[in-house]
């Protein structure tokens, strides 16, 4: 099988975000970058499927500037066979990324299945998987946390809330967007990380992919950081004293509204 996994590099959740001076983006200095967690699920599922199907290959793609190479090397360290970077600006939107990924996959060979994460944790757009499927002319199943593989078909399970599970069967090739619960991504060993540094990573440029600013559908501006949290007040004393003081503080807060 020709298996693809599409990933996005995002700021680590522990990174303290700072805005650029013009307020139209984040200051990327000193940011620690990681693979978006849902996309790690996509890589892991691709690797597990390869283990089930002999003679399969896993190709990982990511759109972005040169820094994206680090995340692609991590995917190689996890076990991917090859990696390709699509040279797009860091602020490319879902439309540009999906178009670039679709063209790149078309250049690399007919896919049997394409895995993505359900959304990236930076913008939460949850749009690339669906847009990619449209460009590739494939069915798409999103928010998937269980898959059974058959002969030319897959049966996907989705937790739709309220204890309800939705089951969808579709033919292959298809695009599948992974949700938490689909699997537990493996850790890359130190030895595999060292080996991945020596593996080649191909680059496809925007002009090769036919992607321009006309493919952009959205542009983000006027970024604002969330307001700082109010300081926590510690109430000392016995449980009875704490209860009385808590009631007094809440009553004052209500009167102040």
C-alpha atoms as a PDB file:
ATOM      1  CA  UNK A   1       0.000   0.000   0.000  1.00  0.00           C
ATOM      2  CA  UNK A   2       1.032   3.574  -0.648  1.00  0.00           C
ATOM      3  CA  UNK A   3       0.362   5.238   2.704  1.00  0.00           C
ATOM      4  CA  UNK A   4       0.668   8.980   3.336  1.00  0.00           C
ATOM      5  CA  UNK A   5       0.583  10.949   6.586  1.00  0.00           C
ATOM      6  CA  UNK A   6       0.232  14.745   6.528  1.00  0.00           C
ATOM      7  CA  UNK A   7       1.509  16.624   9.562  1.00  0.00           C
ATOM      8  CA  UNK A   8       1.831  20.200  10.785  1.00  0.00           C
ATOM      9  CA  UNK A   9       4.521  21.740  12.956  1.00  0.00           C
ATOM     10  CA  UNK A  10       3.105  23.843  15.802  1.00  0.00           C
ATOM     11  CA  UNK A  11       4.429  25.635  18.901  1.00  0.00           C
ATOM     12  CA  UNK A  12       4.863  23.404  21.946  1.00  0.00           C
ATOM     13  CA  UNK A  13       1.975  23.797  24.390  1.00  0.00           C
ATOM     14  CA  UNK A  14       4.493  24.810  27.084  1.00  0.00           C
ATOM     15  CA  UNK A  15       5.826  27.713  24.985  1.00  0.00           C
ATOM     16  CA  UNK A  16       5.105  31.211  26.255  1.00  0.00           C
ATOM     17  CA  UNK A  17       3.608  32.919  23.212  1.00  0.00           C
ATOM     18  CA  UNK A  18       4.635  36.482  22.396  1.00  0.00           C
ATOM     19  CA  UNK A  19       3.135  38.631  19.658  1.00  0.00           C
ATOM     20  CA  UNK A  20       4.986  40.485  16.946  1.00  0.00           C
ATOM     21  CA  UNK A  21       5.199  44.223  17.243  1.00  0.00           C
ATOM     22  CA  UNK A  22       2.588  44.763  14.515  1.00  0.00           C
ATOM     23  CA  UNK A  23       0.119  42.412  16.240  1.00  0.00           C
ATOM     24  CA  UNK A  24      -0.345  40.389  13.044  1.00  0.00           C
ATOM     25  CA  UNK A  25       1.286  37.158  14.183  1.00  0.00           C
ATOM     26  CA  UNK A  26       3.363  35.495  16.856  1.00  0.00           C
ATOM     27  CA  UNK A  27       7.021  36.168  17.521  1.00  0.00           C
ATOM     28  CA  UNK A  28       8.716  32.904  16.516  1.00  0.00           C
ATOM     29  CA  UNK A  29      11.961  33.645  18.366  1.00  0.00           C
ATOM     30  CA  UNK A  30      12.715  31.082  21.096  1.00  0.00           C
ATOM     31  CA  UNK A  31       9.699  28.920  20.237  1.00  0.00           C
ATOM     32  CA  UNK A  32      10.000  25.175  20.710  1.00  0.00           C
ATOM     33  CA  UNK A  33       8.269  23.462  17.771  1.00  0.00           C
ATOM     34  CA  UNK A  34       6.590  20.040  17.844  1.00  0.00           C
ATOM     35  CA  UNK A  35       4.410  17.825  15.660  1.00  0.00           C
ATOM     36  CA  UNK A  36       0.774  18.653  16.341  1.00  0.00           C
ATOM     37  CA  UNK A  37      -0.445  15.862  18.693  1.00  0.00           C
ATOM     38  CA  UNK A  38      -3.326  14.727  16.458  1.00  0.00           C
ATOM     39  CA  UNK A  39      -0.853  14.420  13.607  1.00  0.00           C
ATOM     40  CA  UNK A  40       1.296  12.102  15.733  1.00  0.00           C
ATOM     41  CA  UNK A  41      -1.751   9.829  15.794  1.00  0.00           C
ATOM     42  CA  UNK A  42      -1.818   9.970  11.985  1.00  0.00           C
ATOM     43  CA  UNK A  43       1.834   8.912  11.792  1.00  0.00           C
ATOM     44  CA  UNK A  44       1.303   6.083  14.259  1.00  0.00           C
ATOM     45  CA  UNK A  45      -1.751   4.760  12.403  1.00  0.00           C
ATOM     46  CA  UNK A  46       0.168   4.849   9.133  1.00  0.00           C
ATOM     47  CA  UNK A  47       2.989   2.844  10.713  1.00  0.00           C
ATOM     48  CA  UNK A  48       0.597   0.288  12.229  1.00  0.00           C
ATOM     49  CA  UNK A  49      -1.132  -0.195   8.893  1.00  0.00           C
ATOM     50  CA  UNK A  50       2.246  -0.762   7.204  1.00  0.00           C
ATOM     51  CA  UNK A  51       2.965  -3.460   9.784  1.00  0.00           C
ATOM     52  CA  UNK A  52      -0.287  -5.202   8.790  1.00  0.00           C
ATOM     53  CA  UNK A  53       0.229  -4.899   5.038  1.00  0.00           C
ATOM     54  CA  UNK A  54       3.517  -6.229   3.585  1.00  0.00           C
ATOM     55  CA  UNK A  55       5.243  -4.207   0.864  1.00  0.00           C
ATOM     56  CA  UNK A  56       3.658  -0.956   2.111  1.00  0.00           C
ATOM     57  CA  UNK A  57       5.486   2.359   2.447  1.00  0.00           C
ATOM     58  CA  UNK A  58       4.784   5.361   4.651  1.00  0.00           C
ATOM     59  CA  UNK A  59       5.527   8.839   3.307  1.00  0.00           C
ATOM     60  CA  UNK A  60       5.157  11.837   5.617  1.00  0.00           C
ATOM     61  CA  UNK A  61       4.535  15.325   4.219  1.00  0.00           C
ATOM     62  CA  UNK A  62       4.488  18.721   5.864  1.00  0.00           C
ATOM     63  CA  UNK A  63       4.049  22.216   4.435  1.00  0.00           C
ATOM     64  CA  UNK A  64       6.065  25.062   5.884  1.00  0.00           C
ATOM     65  CA  UNK A  65       9.432  26.831   6.037  1.00  0.00           C
ATOM     66  CA  UNK A  66      12.809  25.193   6.634  1.00  0.00           C
ATOM     67  CA  UNK A  67      12.159  24.650  10.361  1.00  0.00           C
ATOM     68  CA  UNK A  68       9.526  22.037   9.460  1.00  0.00           C
ATOM     69  CA  UNK A  69      12.409  19.689   8.603  1.00  0.00           C
ATOM     70  CA  UNK A  70      12.913  18.975  12.315  1.00  0.00           C
ATOM     71  CA  UNK A  71       9.373  17.586  12.655  1.00  0.00           C
ATOM     72  CA  UNK A  72       9.787  15.523   9.501  1.00  0.00           C
ATOM     73  CA  UNK A  73      12.967  14.018  10.946  1.00  0.00           C
ATOM     74  CA  UNK A  74      11.050  13.098  14.075  1.00  0.00           C
ATOM     75  CA  UNK A  75       8.496  11.306  11.881  1.00  0.00           C
ATOM     76  CA  UNK A  76      11.369   9.426  10.227  1.00  0.00           C
ATOM     77  CA  UNK A  77      12.694   8.530  13.677  1.00  0.00           C
ATOM     78  CA  UNK A  78       9.275   7.113  14.547  1.00  0.00           C
ATOM     79  CA  UNK A  79       9.592   4.817  11.544  1.00  0.00           C
ATOM     80  CA  UNK A  80       8.357   6.556   8.381  1.00  0.00           C
ATOM     81  CA  UNK A  81      10.072   5.456   5.175  1.00  0.00           C
ATOM     82  CA  UNK A  82      10.435   8.885   3.585  1.00  0.00           C
ATOM     83  CA  UNK A  83       9.592  12.538   4.194  1.00  0.00           C
ATOM     84  CA  UNK A  84       8.870  15.511   1.946  1.00  0.00           C
ATOM     85  CA  UNK A  85       8.725  19.195   2.867  1.00  0.00           C
ATOM     86  CA  UNK A  86       6.485  21.499   0.862  1.00  0.00           C
ATOM     87  CA  UNK A  87       8.116  24.918   0.893  1.00  0.00           C
ATOM     88  CA  UNK A  88       5.278  27.244   1.896  1.00  0.00           C
ATOM     89  CA  UNK A  89       5.244  30.277   4.212  1.00  0.00           C
ATOM     90  CA  UNK A  90       4.636  29.631   7.886  1.00  0.00           C
ATOM     91  CA  UNK A  91       1.358  31.573   7.768  1.00  0.00           C
ATOM     92  CA  UNK A  92      -0.101  29.605   4.844  1.00  0.00           C
ATOM     93  CA  UNK A  93      -3.775  28.887   5.522  1.00  0.00           C
ATOM     94  CA  UNK A  94      -5.703  25.628   5.250  1.00  0.00           C
ATOM     95  CA  UNK A  95      -6.530  26.258   1.581  1.00  0.00           C
ATOM     96  CA  UNK A  96      -2.894  26.700   0.564  1.00  0.00           C
ATOM     97  CA  UNK A  97      -1.694  23.756   2.646  1.00  0.00           C
ATOM     98  CA  UNK A  98      -4.402  21.398   1.388  1.00  0.00           C
ATOM     99  CA  UNK A  99      -3.759  22.326  -2.242  1.00  0.00           C
ATOM    100  CA  UNK A 100      -0.001  21.851  -1.845  1.00  0.00           C
ATOM    101  CA  UNK A 101      -0.449  18.486  -0.131  1.00  0.00           C
ATOM    102  CA  UNK A 102      -2.840  17.257  -2.819  1.00  0.00           C
ATOM    103  CA  UNK A 103      -0.506  18.182  -5.674  1.00  0.00           C
ATOM    104  CA  UNK A 104       2.506  16.719  -3.872  1.00  0.00           C
ATOM    105  CA  UNK A 105       0.717  13.418  -3.244  1.00  0.00           C
ATOM    106  CA  UNK A 106      -0.257  13.316  -6.906  1.00  0.00           C
ATOM    107  CA  UNK A 107       3.400  13.724  -7.879  1.00  0.00           C
ATOM    108  CA  UNK A 108       4.576  11.040  -5.444  1.00  0.00           C
ATOM    109  CA  UNK A 109       2.192   8.302  -6.530  1.00  0.00           C
ATOM    110  CA  UNK A 110      -1.387   7.094  -6.283  1.00  0.00           C
ATOM    111  CA  UNK A 111      -2.254   6.888  -2.574  1.00  0.00           C
ATOM    112  CA  UNK A 112      -4.165   3.994  -1.046  1.00  0.00           C
ATOM    113  CA  UNK A 113      -4.909   5.950   2.125  1.00  0.00           C
ATOM    114  CA  UNK A 114      -4.014   9.373   3.533  1.00  0.00           C
ATOM    115  CA  UNK A 115      -3.925  10.087   7.266  1.00  0.00           C
ATOM    116  CA  UNK A 116      -4.142  13.527   8.872  1.00  0.00           C
ATOM    117  CA  UNK A 117      -4.899  14.780  12.360  1.00  0.00           C
ATOM    118  CA  UNK A 118      -8.428  16.022  13.000  1.00  0.00           C
ATOM    119  CA  UNK A 119      -7.017  19.528  13.611  1.00  0.00           C
ATOM    120  CA  UNK A 120      -3.829  21.376  14.441  1.00  0.00           C
ATOM    121  CA  UNK A 121      -3.544  22.693  17.984  1.00  0.00           C
ATOM    122  CA  UNK A 122      -2.383  26.151  16.898  1.00  0.00           C
ATOM    123  CA  UNK A 123      -5.326  27.375  14.797  1.00  0.00           C
ATOM    124  CA  UNK A 124      -7.831  24.566  15.407  1.00  0.00           C
ATOM    125  CA  UNK A 125      -9.207  25.055  11.889  1.00  0.00           C
ATOM    126  CA  UNK A 126      -9.921  21.335  11.314  1.00  0.00           C
ATOM    127  CA  UNK A 127     -10.147  22.017   7.582  1.00  0.00           C
ATOM    128  CA  UNK A 128      -7.090  20.559   5.830  1.00  0.00           C
ATOM    129  CA  UNK A 129      -8.274  16.937   5.862  1.00  0.00           C
ATOM    130  CA  UNK A 130     -11.604  17.736   4.220  1.00  0.00           C
ATOM    131  CA  UNK A 131     -10.104  20.181   1.707  1.00  0.00           C
ATOM    132  CA  UNK A 132      -7.381  17.679   0.847  1.00  0.00           C
ATOM    133  CA  UNK A 133      -9.996  14.984   0.206  1.00  0.00           C
ATOM    134  CA  UNK A 134     -11.884  17.297  -2.148  1.00  0.00           C
ATOM    135  CA  UNK A 135      -8.727  18.076  -4.119  1.00  0.00           C
ATOM    136  CA  UNK A 136      -7.837  14.383  -4.339  1.00  0.00           C
ATOM    137  CA  UNK A 137     -11.408  13.359  -5.199  1.00  0.00           C
ATOM    138  CA  UNK A 138     -11.563  10.947  -2.271  1.00  0.00           C
ATOM    139  CA  UNK A 139     -14.049  10.228   0.524  1.00  0.00           C
ATOM    140  CA  UNK A 140     -13.087  11.645   3.912  1.00  0.00           C
ATOM    141  CA  UNK A 141     -13.877  10.464   7.444  1.00  0.00           C
ATOM    142  CA  UNK A 142     -12.994  12.844  10.264  1.00  0.00           C
ATOM    143  CA  UNK A 143     -12.635  12.641  14.060  1.00  0.00           C
ATOM    144  CA  UNK A 144     -11.860   8.923  13.807  1.00  0.00           C
ATOM    145  CA  UNK A 145     -10.896   7.004  16.956  1.00  0.00           C
ATOM    146  CA  UNK A 146     -11.142   3.448  15.616  1.00  0.00           C
ATOM    147  CA  UNK A 147     -10.503   1.750  12.267  1.00  0.00           C
ATOM    148  CA  UNK A 148     -10.992  -1.777  10.971  1.00  0.00           C
ATOM    149  CA  UNK A 149      -9.205  -2.513   7.701  1.00  0.00           C
ATOM    150  CA  UNK A 150     -10.800  -4.748   5.078  1.00  0.00           C
ATOM    151  CA  UNK A 151     -10.127  -5.603   1.465  1.00  0.00           C
ATOM    152  CA  UNK A 152     -10.376  -2.242  -0.282  1.00  0.00           C
ATOM    153  CA  UNK A 153     -12.597  -0.787   2.449  1.00  0.00           C
ATOM    154  CA  UNK A 154     -12.238   0.620   5.950  1.00  0.00           C
ATOM    155  CA  UNK A 155     -14.776   0.820   8.765  1.00  0.00           C
ATOM    156  CA  UNK A 156     -14.275   3.876  10.960  1.00  0.00           C
ATOM    157  CA  UNK A 157     -15.707   4.625  14.403  1.00  0.00           C
ATOM    158  CA  UNK A 158     -16.382   8.114  15.699  1.00  0.00           C
ATOM    159  CA  UNK A 159     -17.381   9.119  19.205  1.00  0.00           C
ATOM    160  CA  UNK A 160     -20.166  11.647  18.560  1.00  0.00           C
ATOM    161  CA  UNK A 161     -20.948  12.327  22.228  1.00  0.00           C
ATOM    162  CA  UNK A 162     -23.578  11.191  24.669  1.00  0.00           C
ATOM    163  CA  UNK A 163     -22.161   7.684  24.650  1.00  0.00           C
ATOM    164  CA  UNK A 164     -23.012   7.314  20.957  1.00  0.00           C
ATOM    165  CA  UNK A 165     -20.637   5.769  18.423  1.00  0.00           C
ATOM    166  CA  UNK A 166     -21.012   6.474  14.717  1.00  0.00           C
ATOM    167  CA  UNK A 167     -19.773   3.770  12.339  1.00  0.00           C
ATOM    168  CA  UNK A 168     -18.858   4.701   8.757  1.00  0.00           C
ATOM    169  CA  UNK A 169     -17.659   2.342   6.035  1.00  0.00           C
ATOM    170  CA  UNK A 170     -15.957   3.713   2.947  1.00  0.00           C
ATOM    171  CA  UNK A 171     -13.962   2.391   0.053  1.00  0.00           C
ATOM    172  CA  UNK A 172     -10.291   3.121  -0.454  1.00  0.00           C
ATOM    173  CA  UNK A 173      -8.507   5.317  -1.312  1.00  0.00           C
ATOM    174  CA  UNK A 174      -9.716   7.710   1.383  1.00  0.00           C
ATOM    175  CA  UNK A 175      -8.580  10.473   3.711  1.00  0.00           C
ATOM    176  CA  UNK A 176      -8.851   9.733   7.438  1.00  0.00           C
ATOM    177  CA  UNK A 177      -8.511  12.429  10.119  1.00  0.00           C
ATOM    178  CA  UNK A 178      -7.358  10.987  13.456  1.00  0.00           C
ATOM    179  CA  UNK A 179      -8.847  11.774  16.859  1.00  0.00           C
ATOM    180  CA  UNK A 180      -7.493  11.048  20.342  1.00  0.00           C
ATOM    181  CA  UNK A 181      -8.125   7.400  21.208  1.00  0.00           C
ATOM    182  CA  UNK A 182      -7.253   6.021  17.780  1.00  0.00           C
ATOM    183  CA  UNK A 183      -3.891   4.780  19.077  1.00  0.00           C
ATOM    184  CA  UNK A 184      -0.966   5.600  21.345  1.00  0.00           C
ATOM    185  CA  UNK A 185       1.909   7.115  19.334  1.00  0.00           C
ATOM    186  CA  UNK A 186       5.250   5.392  19.821  1.00  0.00           C
ATOM    187  CA  UNK A 187       8.321   7.185  21.110  1.00  0.00           C
ATOM    188  CA  UNK A 188      11.267   7.659  18.825  1.00  0.00           C
ATOM    189  CA  UNK A 189      14.365   6.061  20.342  1.00  0.00           C
ATOM    190  CA  UNK A 190      17.577   8.044  20.693  1.00  0.00           C
ATOM    191  CA  UNK A 191      19.266   5.778  18.154  1.00  0.00           C
ATOM    192  CA  UNK A 192      16.490   6.278  15.593  1.00  0.00           C
ATOM    193  CA  UNK A 193      16.618  10.048  16.127  1.00  0.00           C
ATOM    194  CA  UNK A 194      20.346   9.982  15.341  1.00  0.00           C
ATOM    195  CA  UNK A 195      19.743   7.813  12.273  1.00  0.00           C
ATOM    196  CA  UNK A 196      16.948  10.112  11.057  1.00  0.00           C
ATOM    197  CA  UNK A 197      19.362  13.051  10.962  1.00  0.00           C
ATOM    198  CA  UNK A 198      21.243  11.298   8.170  1.00  0.00           C
ATOM    199  CA  UNK A 199      18.193  10.502   6.045  1.00  0.00           C
ATOM    200  CA  UNK A 200      17.409  12.734   3.036  1.00  0.00           C
ATOM    201  CA  UNK A 201      14.310  14.915   3.045  1.00  0.00           C
ATOM    202  CA  UNK A 202      13.032  16.015  -0.351  1.00  0.00           C
ATOM    203  CA  UNK A 203      11.652  19.506  -0.887  1.00  0.00           C
ATOM    204  CA  UNK A 204       8.942  20.571  -3.310  1.00  0.00           C
ATOM    205  CA  UNK A 205       8.666  24.311  -3.890  1.00  0.00           C
ATOM    206  CA  UNK A 206       5.498  26.342  -4.269  1.00  0.00           C
ATOM    207  CA  UNK A 207       6.054  26.983  -7.968  1.00  0.00           C
ATOM    208  CA  UNK A 208       6.453  23.232  -8.603  1.00  0.00           C
ATOM    209  CA  UNK A 209       3.161  22.690  -6.798  1.00  0.00           C
ATOM    210  CA  UNK A 210       1.365  25.527  -8.573  1.00  0.00           C
ATOM    211  CA  UNK A 211       0.465  27.097  -5.220  1.00  0.00           C
ATOM    212  CA  UNK A 212       0.264  30.878  -4.977  1.00  0.00           C
ATOM    213  CA  UNK A 213      -1.400  33.494  -2.818  1.00  0.00           C
ATOM    214  CA  UNK A 214      -4.543  33.023  -4.898  1.00  0.00           C
ATOM    215  CA  UNK A 215      -5.016  29.725  -3.078  1.00  0.00           C
ATOM    216  CA  UNK A 216      -5.199  31.542   0.258  1.00  0.00           C
ATOM    217  CA  UNK A 217      -8.750  31.819   1.576  1.00  0.00           C
ATOM    218  CA  UNK A 218      -8.116  33.399   4.972  1.00  0.00           C
ATOM    219  CA  UNK A 219      -5.606  35.755   6.549  1.00  0.00           C
ATOM    220  CA  UNK A 220      -5.259  36.218  10.295  1.00  0.00           C
ATOM    221  CA  UNK A 221      -4.488  39.607  11.798  1.00  0.00           C
ATOM    222  CA  UNK A 222      -4.943  41.645  14.980  1.00  0.00           C
ATOM    223  CA  UNK A 223      -3.770  38.879  17.309  1.00  0.00           C
ATOM    224  CA  UNK A 224      -4.492  39.382  21.008  1.00  0.00           C
ATOM    225  CA  UNK A 225      -3.250  37.446  24.011  1.00  0.00           C
ATOM    226  CA  UNK A 226      -5.899  36.279  26.504  1.00  0.00           C
ATOM    227  CA  UNK A 227      -6.260  38.527  29.573  1.00  0.00           C
ATOM    228  CA  UNK A 228      -4.098  37.529  32.541  1.00  0.00           C
ATOM    229  CA  UNK A 229      -5.743  35.306  35.117  1.00  0.00           C
ATOM    230  CA  UNK A 230      -6.818  36.877  38.381  1.00  0.00           C
ATOM    231  CA  UNK A 231      -4.534  36.039  41.296  1.00  0.00           C
ATOM    232  CA  UNK A 232      -5.638  33.192  43.537  1.00  0.00           C
ATOM    233  CA  UNK A 233      -6.698  34.008  47.099  1.00  0.00           C
ATOM    234  CA  UNK A 234      -5.755  31.469  49.784  1.00  0.00           C
ATOM    235  CA  UNK A 235      -8.110  31.231  52.770  1.00  0.00           C
ATOM    236  CA  UNK A 236      -6.388  30.111  55.950  1.00  0.00           C
ATOM    237  CA  UNK A 237      -7.804  28.691  59.167  1.00  0.00           C
ATOM    238  CA  UNK A 238      -9.951  25.783  60.249  1.00  0.00           C
ATOM    239  CA  UNK A 239     -12.525  24.335  57.856  1.00  0.00           C
ATOM    240  CA  UNK A 240     -15.268  26.240  59.701  1.00  0.00           C
ATOM    241  CA  UNK A 241     -13.322  29.512  59.492  1.00  0.00           C
ATOM    242  CA  UNK A 242     -12.543  28.892  55.829  1.00  0.00           C
ATOM    243  CA  UNK A 243     -16.225  28.308  55.069  1.00  0.00           C
ATOM    244  CA  UNK A 244     -17.286  31.538  56.796  1.00  0.00           C
ATOM    245  CA  UNK A 245     -14.582  33.546  55.041  1.00  0.00           C
ATOM    246  CA  UNK A 246     -15.472  32.015  51.667  1.00  0.00           C
ATOM    247  CA  UNK A 247     -19.111  33.007  52.126  1.00  0.00           C
ATOM    248  CA  UNK A 248     -18.075  36.548  53.046  1.00  0.00           C
ATOM    249  CA  UNK A 249     -15.786  36.870  50.001  1.00  0.00           C
ATOM    250  CA  UNK A 250     -18.455  35.522  47.629  1.00  0.00           C
ATOM    251  CA  UNK A 251     -21.042  37.890  49.102  1.00  0.00           C
ATOM    252  CA  UNK A 252     -18.725  40.855  48.511  1.00  0.00           C
ATOM    253  CA  UNK A 253     -18.105  39.739  44.942  1.00  0.00           C
ATOM    254  CA  UNK A 254     -21.841  39.492  44.289  1.00  0.00           C
ATOM    255  CA  UNK A 255     -22.433  42.981  45.683  1.00  0.00           C
ATOM    256  CA  UNK A 256     -19.659  44.347  43.474  1.00  0.00           C
ATOM    257  CA  UNK A 257     -21.328  43.066  40.293  1.00  0.00           C
END
